[in-house]
Amino acid sequence: MIRHIALHTPHGSLHGQLDRPEHPRGLILIARPHRVPADDPIVAGLAAEGYAILAMDLLTTHELRFADATQNVPRLVQRLLDVLDLIRYDGDTQDLPLGIYASGDTTPAAIRCAAQRDFQVKALVCHGGLIDHAGLQSLKLLVAPLMMLVAPDDKLAPAAYQRAKTYLGGVHQQYQLEPGEHPSTSVTGWFARYLEQSAIPARSWTSAPDRLC
């Protein structure tokens, strides 16, 4: 089943797509400012593993004209919370264990939302981004297991993680991608390890890779 979703805001409409198989293992929210080709293999890998996917753009068409639009963390947080409300009350999504995949500038907003909605968000993967911009309180309150994926040439995200990890009380790992390594395997592995055990403790899935940094 494929549904196109529009979420109305005072600044325009946000658009997304829900792709739900007949018997999904869980729901992954792809939180992004707008669609980028780099996300497509991630989405395809998660879909191939049987997850429902809600890919949601958090900026309007008008806002994409402004280079600093992705830096407005409070606005992104509010929009993510609105999306989480949609998920919570929608018949196609409300009963599925929920994970969030965020990248780049959406990372701080995703962490803040996961900290505020610890009853709803069960696992979190962030690909790059400045985790410490989520704020001290959110880092301390975060319960959902967090994986930080870092590209080989990314120098900013590891430094941000080092600043933040002292305050992270829950499960968290940083995974350094090798040159040419695609993150899809690590993403699906993390959700298999932590998302489904929140709903089906007795079921065992393939674990995520263990190379840490």
Protein backbone atom coordinates (compact mmCIF):
# COMPACT_ATOMS: atom_id res chain seq x y z
CA MET A 1 0.00 0.00 0.00
CA ILE A 2 1.32 3.44 -0.95
CA ARG A 3 -0.21 6.65 0.39
CA HIS A 4 0.76 10.22 -0.36
CA ILE A 5 0.57 12.46 2.69
CA ALA A 6 0.28 16.24 3.01
CA LEU A 7 0.77 17.98 6.34
CA HIS A 8 -0.36 21.60 6.39
CA THR A 9 1.64 24.28 8.23
CA PRO A 10 1.36 28.09 8.42
CA HIS A 11 4.25 28.24 5.94
CA GLY A 12 2.87 25.79 3.40
CA SER A 13 2.36 22.05 3.00
CA LEU A 14 4.84 19.31 3.83
CA HIS A 15 4.74 16.24 1.63
CA GLY A 16 5.55 12.62 2.29
CA GLN A 17 4.85 9.07 1.23
CA LEU A 18 3.91 6.02 3.27
CA ASP A 19 4.86 2.65 1.83
CA ARG A 20 3.38 -0.12 3.98
CA PRO A 21 3.71 -3.84 3.20
CA GLU A 22 1.00 -6.23 4.27
CA HIS A 23 2.78 -7.43 7.42
CA PRO A 24 5.41 -4.82 8.35
CA ARG A 25 8.14 -5.49 10.92
CA GLY A 26 7.91 -1.90 12.08
CA LEU A 27 7.72 1.66 10.80
CA ILE A 28 10.73 3.81 9.90
CA LEU A 29 10.26 7.57 9.62
CA ILE A 30 12.75 9.07 7.17
CA ALA A 31 13.11 12.62 8.50
CA ARG A 32 14.73 14.94 5.98
CA PRO A 33 14.52 18.56 4.81
CA HIS A 34 13.72 17.31 1.31
CA ARG A 35 14.24 14.23 -0.82
CA VAL A 36 17.84 13.54 -1.80
CA PRO A 37 19.08 10.62 -3.94
CA ALA A 38 21.41 9.48 -1.15
CA ASP A 39 18.37 8.40 0.87
CA ASP A 40 16.98 6.13 -1.84
CA PRO A 41 19.25 3.09 -1.12
CA ILE A 42 18.48 3.46 2.60
CA VAL A 43 14.75 3.41 1.90
CA ALA A 44 15.12 0.49 -0.51
CA GLY A 45 17.15 -1.51 2.00
CA LEU A 46 14.63 -0.99 4.79
CA ALA A 47 11.72 -1.81 2.49
CA ALA A 48 13.47 -5.01 1.37
CA GLU A 49 13.67 -6.06 5.04
CA GLY A 50 9.91 -5.69 5.43
CA TYR A 51 9.62 -2.32 7.17
CA ALA A 52 6.93 0.22 6.45
CA ILE A 53 8.51 3.52 5.39
CA LEU A 54 7.20 7.03 5.93
CA ALA A 55 9.49 9.42 4.04
CA MET A 56 8.58 12.95 5.11
CA ASP A 57 9.99 16.25 3.85
CA LEU A 58 10.22 18.80 6.68
CA LEU A 59 10.63 21.93 4.56
CA THR A 60 8.12 23.50 2.21
CA THR A 61 8.94 24.27 -1.41
CA HIS A 62 9.22 27.95 -0.56
CA GLU A 63 11.58 27.35 2.37
CA LEU A 64 13.99 25.36 0.22
CA ARG A 65 14.99 28.64 -1.43
CA PHE A 66 16.73 29.76 1.77
CA ALA A 67 20.12 28.23 2.59
CA ASP A 68 19.66 28.56 6.36
CA ALA A 69 16.19 26.98 6.52
CA THR A 70 17.62 23.69 7.79
CA GLN A 71 19.27 25.48 10.73
CA ASN A 72 15.95 26.33 12.38
CA VAL A 73 15.97 23.46 14.86
CA PRO A 74 12.85 24.52 16.83
CA ARG A 75 10.81 24.66 13.61
CA LEU A 76 12.06 21.24 12.50
CA VAL A 77 11.29 19.84 15.97
CA GLN A 78 7.71 21.10 15.86
CA ARG A 79 7.18 19.63 12.42
CA LEU A 80 8.60 16.30 13.47
CA LEU A 81 6.30 16.29 16.48
CA ASP A 82 3.37 16.96 14.16
CA VAL A 83 4.44 13.99 12.05
CA LEU A 84 4.69 11.83 15.17
CA ASP A 85 1.15 12.86 16.08
CA LEU A 86 0.01 11.83 12.61
CA ILE A 87 1.70 8.44 13.06
CA ARG A 88 0.21 7.97 16.52
CA TYR A 89 -3.38 8.42 15.38
CA ASP A 90 -3.28 6.95 11.88
CA GLY A 91 -4.76 3.48 11.54
CA ASP A 92 -2.03 2.35 9.13
CA THR A 93 0.84 3.29 11.47
CA GLN A 94 -0.27 3.59 15.09
CA ASP A 95 0.34 -0.03 16.07
CA LEU A 96 3.83 -0.36 14.55
CA PRO A 97 7.05 0.04 16.58
CA LEU A 98 8.61 3.28 15.35
CA GLY A 99 12.18 4.17 14.48
CA ILE A 100 13.58 7.39 13.02
CA TYR A 101 16.31 7.75 10.42
CA ALA A 102 17.65 11.31 10.19
CA SER A 103 20.62 12.82 8.43
CA GLY A 104 22.62 16.03 8.45
CA ASP A 105 20.76 19.06 9.74
CA THR A 106 17.75 17.03 10.89
CA THR A 107 19.85 15.14 13.47
CA PRO A 108 19.40 17.60 16.38
CA ALA A 109 15.66 17.85 15.76
CA ALA A 110 15.28 14.07 15.61
CA ILE A 111 17.07 13.66 18.94
CA ARG A 112 14.93 16.31 20.61
CA CYS A 113 11.76 14.66 19.33
CA ALA A 114 12.85 11.18 20.36
CA ALA A 115 13.64 12.51 23.84
CA GLN A 116 10.20 14.12 24.12
CA ARG A 117 8.36 11.09 22.75
CA ASP A 118 10.23 8.27 24.48
CA PHE A 119 6.98 6.28 24.68
CA GLN A 120 6.70 6.35 20.89
CA VAL A 121 10.20 6.39 19.33
CA LYS A 122 11.95 3.07 19.98
CA ALA A 123 15.19 3.42 17.99
CA LEU A 124 17.10 6.16 16.22
CA VAL A 125 19.78 6.33 13.51
CA CYS A 126 21.44 9.63 12.62
CA HIS A 127 23.77 9.91 9.63
CA GLY A 128 26.05 12.85 10.29
CA GLY A 129 24.89 16.11 11.79
CA LEU A 130 25.81 17.97 14.95
CA ILE A 131 24.29 15.88 17.72
CA ASP A 132 25.28 18.35 20.43
CA HIS A 133 22.96 20.98 18.91
CA ALA A 134 20.06 18.93 20.28
CA GLY A 135 20.78 20.46 23.68
CA LEU A 136 21.89 19.09 27.02
CA GLN A 137 18.42 18.28 28.34
CA SER A 138 17.45 16.26 25.26
CA LEU A 139 20.71 14.31 25.30
CA LYS A 140 20.14 13.39 28.95
CA LEU A 141 16.50 12.42 28.41
CA LEU A 142 17.06 10.36 25.27
CA VAL A 143 15.99 6.75 25.86
CA ALA A 144 15.79 5.36 22.32
CA PRO A 145 19.00 3.51 21.34
CA LEU A 146 21.01 5.83 19.09
CA MET A 147 23.47 5.01 16.33
CA MET A 148 25.55 7.83 14.89
CA LEU A 149 26.82 7.02 11.41
CA VAL A 150 29.86 9.01 10.28
CA ALA A 151 31.13 9.34 6.72
CA PRO A 152 34.89 8.77 6.23
CA ASP A 153 35.55 12.44 5.42
CA ASP A 154 33.24 13.93 8.09
CA LYS A 155 35.28 15.74 10.74
CA LEU A 156 32.47 17.73 12.38
CA ALA A 157 30.06 14.95 13.39
CA PRO A 158 32.65 12.89 15.37
CA ALA A 159 33.70 15.99 17.32
CA ALA A 160 30.06 16.78 18.09
CA TYR A 161 29.51 13.19 19.22
CA GLN A 162 32.51 13.36 21.55
CA ARG A 163 31.09 16.51 23.12
CA ALA A 164 27.65 14.96 23.52
CA LYS A 165 28.30 11.38 24.54
CA THR A 166 29.11 12.23 28.17
CA TYR A 167 25.49 13.28 28.59
CA LEU A 168 23.86 10.37 26.75
CA GLY A 169 22.44 8.01 29.32
CA GLY A 170 20.91 5.43 26.99
CA VAL A 171 22.40 2.99 24.50
CA HIS A 172 24.50 4.82 21.92
CA GLN A 173 27.19 3.98 19.41
CA GLN A 174 29.18 5.79 16.78
CA TYR A 175 29.93 3.82 13.62
CA GLN A 176 32.63 5.00 11.25
CA LEU A 177 31.86 4.08 7.67
CA GLU A 178 34.76 2.85 5.53
CA PRO A 179 35.46 4.55 2.18
CA GLY A 180 32.94 3.20 -0.32
CA GLU A 181 30.83 1.50 2.37
CA HIS A 182 27.13 2.20 2.07
CA PRO A 183 25.27 2.81 5.36
CA SER A 184 22.23 0.68 4.45
CA THR A 185 23.51 -2.47 6.19
CA SER A 186 24.27 -0.61 9.42
CA VAL A 187 20.90 1.16 9.38
CA THR A 188 18.85 -2.00 8.89
CA GLY A 189 20.97 -3.86 11.42
CA TRP A 190 20.42 -1.25 14.14
CA PHE A 191 16.67 -1.22 13.68
CA ALA A 192 16.59 -5.03 13.61
CA ARG A 193 18.48 -5.10 16.89
CA TYR A 194 16.58 -2.48 18.84
CA LEU A 195 13.30 -1.55 17.16
CA GLU A 196 11.69 -4.95 17.04
CA GLN A 197 12.85 -6.12 20.43
CA SER A 198 10.74 -3.31 21.90
CA ALA A 199 7.66 -5.00 20.48
CA ILE A 200 8.67 -8.69 20.23
CA PRO A 201 11.36 -9.47 22.83
CA ALA A 202 11.60 -13.16 22.03
CA ARG A 203 12.34 -12.76 18.33
CA SER A 204 15.96 -12.65 17.21
CA TRP A 205 17.17 -10.68 14.20
CA THR A 206 20.58 -10.12 12.68
CA SER A 207 22.62 -7.65 14.72
CA ALA A 208 24.22 -4.47 13.48
CA PRO A 209 27.97 -4.40 12.85
CA ASP A 210 30.10 -3.90 15.94
CA ARG A 211 32.88 -1.66 14.62
CA LEU A 212 32.83 1.36 16.91
CA CYS A 213 34.85 4.51 17.22
